[in-house]
Amino acid sequence: MDLFSDIKAIIMKILGIDGESVTPEAHLHFDLGADSLALVTMSVAISEKYNVELLAEDIVELENISELISLVEAKINT
């Protein structure tokens, strides 16, 4: 399971962007343009894919995609 690739694919699909912009350092809102609806959609998609509880509020405060991956990893491993 490659979390980065899976989450990158989810982000690309929801935001309608190409993969070059989706890097571990990219900020969902400032760099990729994710709005609150996109964050909710992302949290639902990630929650369903990995069978974890991930809320949009969990994602809002993250600095970058790398932190999102760490958060998902932590929820998978609990």
N, C-alpha and C. Protein backbone atom coordinates (compact mmCIF):
# COMPACT_ATOMS: atom_id res chain seq x y z
N MET A 1 0.86 -1.20 0.00
CA MET A 1 0.00 0.00 0.00
C MET A 1 0.89 1.24 0.00
N ASP A 2 0.75 2.07 -1.02
CA ASP A 2 1.50 3.30 -1.12
C ASP A 2 0.55 4.45 -0.84
N LEU A 3 0.57 4.92 0.39
CA LEU A 3 -0.36 5.97 0.81
C LEU A 3 -0.24 7.22 -0.05
N PHE A 4 0.99 7.65 -0.31
CA PHE A 4 1.15 8.89 -1.08
C PHE A 4 0.48 8.78 -2.44
N SER A 5 0.72 7.70 -3.15
CA SER A 5 0.13 7.53 -4.48
C SER A 5 -1.39 7.50 -4.42
N ASP A 6 -1.93 6.78 -3.44
CA ASP A 6 -3.39 6.68 -3.30
C ASP A 6 -4.00 8.04 -2.96
N ILE A 7 -3.41 8.72 -2.00
CA ILE A 7 -3.95 10.01 -1.58
C ILE A 7 -3.76 11.05 -2.68
N LYS A 8 -2.64 10.97 -3.38
CA LYS A 8 -2.40 11.87 -4.51
C LYS A 8 -3.49 11.70 -5.56
N ALA A 9 -3.84 10.46 -5.86
CA ALA A 9 -4.89 10.18 -6.85
C ALA A 9 -6.24 10.74 -6.40
N ILE A 10 -6.54 10.61 -5.11
CA ILE A 10 -7.79 11.16 -4.57
C ILE A 10 -7.80 12.68 -4.71
N ILE A 11 -6.70 13.32 -4.34
CA ILE A 11 -6.60 14.78 -4.42
C ILE A 11 -6.73 15.25 -5.87
N MET A 12 -6.04 14.58 -6.78
CA MET A 12 -6.09 14.96 -8.20
C MET A 12 -7.52 14.86 -8.73
N LYS A 13 -8.20 13.79 -8.37
CA LYS A 13 -9.57 13.58 -8.85
C LYS A 13 -10.51 14.65 -8.30
N ILE A 14 -10.43 14.90 -7.00
CA ILE A 14 -11.36 15.84 -6.37
C ILE A 14 -11.10 17.28 -6.81
N LEU A 15 -9.82 17.65 -6.92
CA LEU A 15 -9.49 19.03 -7.27
C LEU A 15 -9.37 19.24 -8.78
N GLY A 16 -9.34 18.14 -9.54
CA GLY A 16 -9.23 18.26 -10.99
C GLY A 16 -7.91 18.87 -11.42
N ILE A 17 -6.82 18.46 -10.77
CA ILE A 17 -5.50 19.01 -11.08
C ILE A 17 -4.57 17.90 -11.54
N ASP A 18 -3.45 18.31 -12.14
CA ASP A 18 -2.48 17.30 -12.58
C ASP A 18 -1.58 16.90 -11.41
N GLY A 19 -0.89 15.79 -11.60
CA GLY A 19 -0.10 15.21 -10.52
C GLY A 19 1.15 15.98 -10.17
N GLU A 20 1.64 16.83 -11.09
CA GLU A 20 2.88 17.54 -10.82
C GLU A 20 2.77 18.48 -9.63
N SER A 21 1.59 19.06 -9.41
CA SER A 21 1.42 19.99 -8.29
C SER A 21 1.27 19.30 -6.95
N VAL A 22 0.91 18.02 -6.98
CA VAL A 22 0.64 17.28 -5.74
C VAL A 22 1.94 16.66 -5.25
N THR A 23 2.61 17.40 -4.37
CA THR A 23 3.87 16.95 -3.79
C THR A 23 3.70 16.82 -2.28
N PRO A 24 4.57 16.10 -1.60
CA PRO A 24 4.45 15.99 -0.14
C PRO A 24 4.47 17.35 0.57
N GLU A 25 5.11 18.34 -0.04
CA GLU A 25 5.23 19.67 0.58
C GLU A 25 4.06 20.59 0.27
N ALA A 26 3.20 20.21 -0.67
CA ALA A 26 2.10 21.08 -1.11
C ALA A 26 1.05 21.24 -0.02
N HIS A 27 0.60 22.47 0.16
CA HIS A 27 -0.49 22.78 1.10
C HIS A 27 -1.81 22.64 0.34
N LEU A 28 -2.76 21.94 0.93
CA LEU A 28 -4.02 21.67 0.24
C LEU A 28 -4.76 22.95 -0.17
N HIS A 29 -4.81 23.92 0.71
CA HIS A 29 -5.56 25.14 0.41
C HIS A 29 -4.71 26.14 -0.37
N PHE A 30 -3.57 26.52 0.18
CA PHE A 30 -2.78 27.59 -0.41
C PHE A 30 -2.12 27.21 -1.73
N ASP A 31 -1.60 25.99 -1.84
CA ASP A 31 -0.91 25.58 -3.06
C ASP A 31 -1.83 24.91 -4.08
N LEU A 32 -2.81 24.15 -3.59
CA LEU A 32 -3.64 23.36 -4.49
C LEU A 32 -5.05 23.91 -4.67
N GLY A 33 -5.43 24.90 -3.87
CA GLY A 33 -6.72 25.55 -4.04
C GLY A 33 -7.92 24.80 -3.50
N ALA A 34 -7.70 23.87 -2.56
CA ALA A 34 -8.82 23.12 -1.98
C ALA A 34 -9.68 24.04 -1.11
N ASP A 35 -10.98 24.03 -1.36
CA ASP A 35 -11.90 24.79 -0.51
C ASP A 35 -12.52 23.83 0.51
N SER A 36 -13.43 24.36 1.33
CA SER A 36 -14.00 23.54 2.41
C SER A 36 -14.78 22.34 1.87
N LEU A 37 -15.48 22.50 0.76
CA LEU A 37 -16.21 21.38 0.18
C LEU A 37 -15.25 20.30 -0.31
N ALA A 38 -14.16 20.71 -0.92
CA ALA A 38 -13.15 19.75 -1.38
C ALA A 38 -12.54 19.00 -0.21
N LEU A 39 -12.30 19.69 0.91
CA LEU A 39 -11.73 19.04 2.09
C LEU A 39 -12.69 18.01 2.66
N VAL A 40 -13.98 18.34 2.68
CA VAL A 40 -14.99 17.38 3.15
C VAL A 40 -15.02 16.16 2.23
N THR A 41 -15.03 16.40 0.93
CA THR A 41 -15.05 15.32 -0.04
C THR A 41 -13.81 14.44 0.10
N MET A 42 -12.65 15.07 0.28
CA MET A 42 -11.41 14.33 0.47
C MET A 42 -11.45 13.48 1.72
N SER A 43 -11.93 14.06 2.82
CA SER A 43 -11.96 13.32 4.08
C SER A 43 -12.88 12.11 3.97
N VAL A 44 -13.99 12.25 3.27
CA VAL A 44 -14.92 11.13 3.07
C VAL A 44 -14.26 10.05 2.20
N ALA A 45 -13.62 10.47 1.10
CA ALA A 45 -12.99 9.52 0.19
C ALA A 45 -11.87 8.74 0.88
N ILE A 46 -11.06 9.44 1.65
CA ILE A 46 -9.95 8.79 2.37
C ILE A 46 -10.50 7.88 3.46
N SER A 47 -11.52 8.34 4.17
CA SER A 47 -12.14 7.53 5.22
C SER A 47 -12.69 6.22 4.66
N GLU A 48 -13.36 6.31 3.53
CA GLU A 48 -13.95 5.11 2.91
C GLU A 48 -12.86 4.17 2.38
N LYS A 49 -11.83 4.73 1.77
CA LYS A 49 -10.78 3.89 1.19
C LYS A 49 -10.02 3.11 2.25
N TYR A 50 -9.75 3.75 3.39
CA TYR A 50 -8.92 3.12 4.43
C TYR A 50 -9.70 2.68 5.66
N ASN A 51 -11.03 2.85 5.61
CA ASN A 51 -11.88 2.44 6.73
C ASN A 51 -11.42 3.07 8.05
N VAL A 52 -11.21 4.39 8.01
CA VAL A 52 -10.83 5.15 9.20
C VAL A 52 -11.77 6.34 9.31
N GLU A 53 -11.78 6.97 10.47
CA GLU A 53 -12.59 8.18 10.64
C GLU A 53 -11.69 9.39 10.49
N LEU A 54 -11.88 10.11 9.40
CA LEU A 54 -11.10 11.30 9.11
C LEU A 54 -12.08 12.42 8.82
N LEU A 55 -12.03 13.46 9.60
CA LEU A 55 -12.95 14.58 9.44
C LEU A 55 -12.28 15.71 8.68
N ALA A 56 -13.07 16.54 8.03
CA ALA A 56 -12.52 17.69 7.31
C ALA A 56 -11.75 18.59 8.28
N GLU A 57 -12.24 18.67 9.52
CA GLU A 57 -11.56 19.50 10.53
C GLU A 57 -10.14 18.99 10.80
N ASP A 58 -9.96 17.67 10.65
CA ASP A 58 -8.62 17.08 10.85
C ASP A 58 -7.65 17.58 9.77
N ILE A 59 -8.17 17.81 8.58
CA ILE A 59 -7.33 18.17 7.43
C ILE A 59 -7.03 19.66 7.39
N VAL A 60 -7.95 20.49 7.84
CA VAL A 60 -7.82 21.94 7.72
C VAL A 60 -6.53 22.48 8.32
N GLU A 61 -6.14 21.96 9.45
CA GLU A 61 -4.98 22.50 10.16
C GLU A 61 -3.63 21.98 9.68
N LEU A 62 -3.64 21.03 8.75
CA LEU A 62 -2.39 20.42 8.30
C LEU A 62 -1.58 21.38 7.44
N GLU A 63 -0.26 21.30 7.58
CA GLU A 63 0.63 22.17 6.82
C GLU A 63 0.81 21.69 5.38
N ASN A 64 0.81 20.37 5.16
CA ASN A 64 1.07 19.86 3.82
C ASN A 64 0.54 18.43 3.66
N ILE A 65 0.71 17.89 2.48
CA ILE A 65 0.22 16.55 2.19
C ILE A 65 0.98 15.49 2.98
N SER A 66 2.23 15.75 3.26
CA SER A 66 3.03 14.83 4.07
C SER A 66 2.39 14.64 5.44
N GLU A 67 1.89 15.73 6.03
CA GLU A 67 1.21 15.62 7.32
C GLU A 67 -0.10 14.86 7.19
N LEU A 68 -0.79 15.02 6.07
CA LEU A 68 -2.03 14.28 5.82
C LEU A 68 -1.73 12.79 5.76
N ILE A 69 -0.67 12.42 5.08
CA ILE A 69 -0.28 11.01 4.99
C ILE A 69 0.05 10.46 6.37
N SER A 70 0.78 11.23 7.16
CA SER A 70 1.12 10.80 8.53
C SER A 70 -0.13 10.61 9.38
N LEU A 71 -1.09 11.51 9.22
CA LEU A 71 -2.34 11.41 9.97
C LEU A 71 -3.11 10.15 9.57
N VAL A 72 -3.22 9.90 8.29
CA VAL A 72 -3.93 8.71 7.82
C VAL A 72 -3.21 7.44 8.29
N GLU A 73 -1.88 7.45 8.19
CA GLU A 73 -1.08 6.31 8.64
C GLU A 73 -1.34 6.03 10.12
N ALA A 74 -1.37 7.08 10.93
CA ALA A 74 -1.61 6.92 12.37
C ALA A 74 -3.00 6.35 12.63
N LYS A 75 -3.99 6.79 11.87
CA LYS A 75 -5.36 6.29 12.06
C LYS A 75 -5.48 4.84 11.61
N ILE A 76 -4.75 4.46 10.57
CA ILE A 76 -4.77 3.07 10.09
C ILE A 76 -4.15 2.15 11.15
N ASN A 77 -3.11 2.62 11.79
CA ASN A 77 -2.36 1.80 12.73
C ASN A 77 -2.89 1.81 14.16
N THR A 78 -4.05 2.43 14.38
CA THR A 78 -4.62 2.42 15.75
C THR A 78 -5.73 1.42 15.86
